Amino acid sequence: MTLTQPQIDKLIEVYATDIVDGMDMRDLCQFAIDMICSNMCEYTEDELKSEISEIYDEEYWGNLVNEVTE
């Protein structure tokens, strides 16, 4: 049997839902952290600063830099 693209999309969604339903809060948080890190690992420093400053602000960026350099 060959699935159509909408069927494949639905299968992936159902599978992902089943995985998430089986996770506890700690697992969900770790998964979210892993995904964010994975998505940002190829960013340049300027791209990181821009992304983080847009979500929080420049002061937060500065605090993060201080935290990792001290």
C-alpha atoms as a PDB file:
ATOM      1  CA  MET A   1       0.000   0.000   0.000  1.00  0.00           C
ATOM      2  CA  THR A   2       1.249   3.459  -0.863  1.00  0.00           C
ATOM      3  CA  LEU A   3       0.086   6.315   1.335  1.00  0.00           C
ATOM      4  CA  THR A   4      -0.820   9.711  -0.037  1.00  0.00           C
ATOM      5  CA  GLN A   5       0.977  12.778   1.303  1.00  0.00           C
ATOM      6  CA  PRO A   6      -2.054  13.813   3.410  1.00  0.00           C
ATOM      7  CA  GLN A   7      -2.159  10.276   4.862  1.00  0.00           C
ATOM      8  CA  ILE A   8       1.566  10.409   5.644  1.00  0.00           C
ATOM      9  CA  ASP A   9       1.099  13.814   7.287  1.00  0.00           C
ATOM     10  CA  LYS A  10      -1.763  12.440   9.404  1.00  0.00           C
ATOM     11  CA  LEU A  11       0.240   9.312  10.320  1.00  0.00           C
ATOM     12  CA  ILE A  12       3.129  11.502  11.505  1.00  0.00           C
ATOM     13  CA  GLU A  13       0.755  13.673  13.535  1.00  0.00           C
ATOM     14  CA  VAL A  14      -0.899  10.660  15.202  1.00  0.00           C
ATOM     15  CA  TYR A  15       2.510   9.094  15.934  1.00  0.00           C
ATOM     16  CA  ALA A  16       3.850  12.364  17.386  1.00  0.00           C
ATOM     17  CA  THR A  17       0.724  12.713  19.532  1.00  0.00           C
ATOM     18  CA  ASP A  18       1.194   9.180  20.862  1.00  0.00           C
ATOM     19  CA  ILE A  19       4.825   9.923  21.740  1.00  0.00           C
ATOM     20  CA  VAL A  20       3.926  13.157  23.547  1.00  0.00           C
ATOM     21  CA  ASP A  21       1.045  11.463  25.390  1.00  0.00           C
ATOM     22  CA  GLY A  22       3.563   8.943  26.747  1.00  0.00           C
ATOM     23  CA  MET A  23       5.935  11.590  28.107  1.00  0.00           C
ATOM     24  CA  ASP A  24       5.979  13.056  31.577  1.00  0.00           C
ATOM     25  CA  MET A  25       6.646  16.755  32.180  1.00  0.00           C
ATOM     26  CA  ARG A  26      10.395  16.225  32.648  1.00  0.00           C
ATOM     27  CA  ASP A  27      10.625  14.392  29.315  1.00  0.00           C
ATOM     28  CA  LEU A  28       8.582  17.085  27.555  1.00  0.00           C
ATOM     29  CA  CYS A  29      10.796  19.842  28.938  1.00  0.00           C
ATOM     30  CA  GLN A  30      13.975  18.000  27.925  1.00  0.00           C
ATOM     31  CA  PHE A  31      12.567  17.405  24.450  1.00  0.00           C
ATOM     32  CA  ALA A  32      11.757  21.102  24.080  1.00  0.00           C
ATOM     33  CA  ILE A  33      15.273  22.072  25.231  1.00  0.00           C
ATOM     34  CA  ASP A  34      16.845  19.572  22.822  1.00  0.00           C
ATOM     35  CA  MET A  35      14.780  20.890  19.897  1.00  0.00           C
ATOM     36  CA  ILE A  36      15.615  24.531  20.636  1.00  0.00           C
ATOM     37  CA  CYS A  37      19.323  23.707  20.924  1.00  0.00           C
ATOM     38  CA  SER A  38      19.215  21.659  17.734  1.00  0.00           C
ATOM     39  CA  ASN A  39      17.459  24.444  15.849  1.00  0.00           C
ATOM     40  CA  MET A  40      19.921  27.080  17.023  1.00  0.00           C
ATOM     41  CA  CYS A  41      23.207  25.139  16.855  1.00  0.00           C
ATOM     42  CA  GLU A  42      24.035  26.439  13.374  1.00  0.00           C
ATOM     43  CA  TYR A  43      23.291  30.094  14.202  1.00  0.00           C
ATOM     44  CA  THR A  44      26.092  32.620  14.117  1.00  0.00           C
ATOM     45  CA  GLU A  45      26.648  34.775  17.191  1.00  0.00           C
ATOM     46  CA  ASP A  46      24.878  37.682  15.442  1.00  0.00           C
ATOM     47  CA  GLU A  47      21.899  35.469  14.593  1.00  0.00           C
ATOM     48  CA  LEU A  48      21.726  34.245  18.191  1.00  0.00           C
ATOM     49  CA  LYS A  49      21.852  37.807  19.511  1.00  0.00           C
ATOM     50  CA  SER A  50      19.118  38.902  17.123  1.00  0.00           C
ATOM     51  CA  GLU A  51      16.827  35.958  17.918  1.00  0.00           C
ATOM     52  CA  ILE A  52      17.287  36.169  21.682  1.00  0.00           C
ATOM     53  CA  SER A  53      17.038  39.970  21.795  1.00  0.00           C
ATOM     54  CA  GLU A  54      13.801  39.898  19.788  1.00  0.00           C
ATOM     55  CA  ILE A  55      12.210  37.445  22.227  1.00  0.00           C
ATOM     56  CA  TYR A  56      13.599  39.027  25.392  1.00  0.00           C
ATOM     57  CA  ASP A  57      15.811  42.117  25.085  1.00  0.00           C
ATOM     58  CA  GLU A  58      19.417  43.274  24.783  1.00  0.00           C
ATOM     59  CA  GLU A  59      19.866  43.229  28.565  1.00  0.00           C
ATOM     60  CA  TYR A  60      18.896  39.559  28.693  1.00  0.00           C
ATOM     61  CA  TRP A  61      21.398  38.837  25.912  1.00  0.00           C
ATOM     62  CA  GLY A  62      24.076  40.627  27.947  1.00  0.00           C
ATOM     63  CA  ASN A  63      23.179  38.627  31.047  1.00  0.00           C
ATOM     64  CA  LEU A  64      23.481  35.362  29.105  1.00  0.00           C
ATOM     65  CA  VAL A  65      26.862  36.378  27.709  1.00  0.00           C
ATOM     66  CA  ASN A  66      28.065  37.275  31.220  1.00  0.00           C
ATOM     67  CA  GLU A  67      26.788  33.959  32.572  1.00  0.00           C
ATOM     68  CA  VAL A  68      28.717  31.876  30.044  1.00  0.00           C
ATOM     69  CA  THR A  69      31.912  33.943  30.113  1.00  0.00           C
ATOM     70  CA  GLU A  70      32.420  34.233  33.877  1.00  0.00           C
END
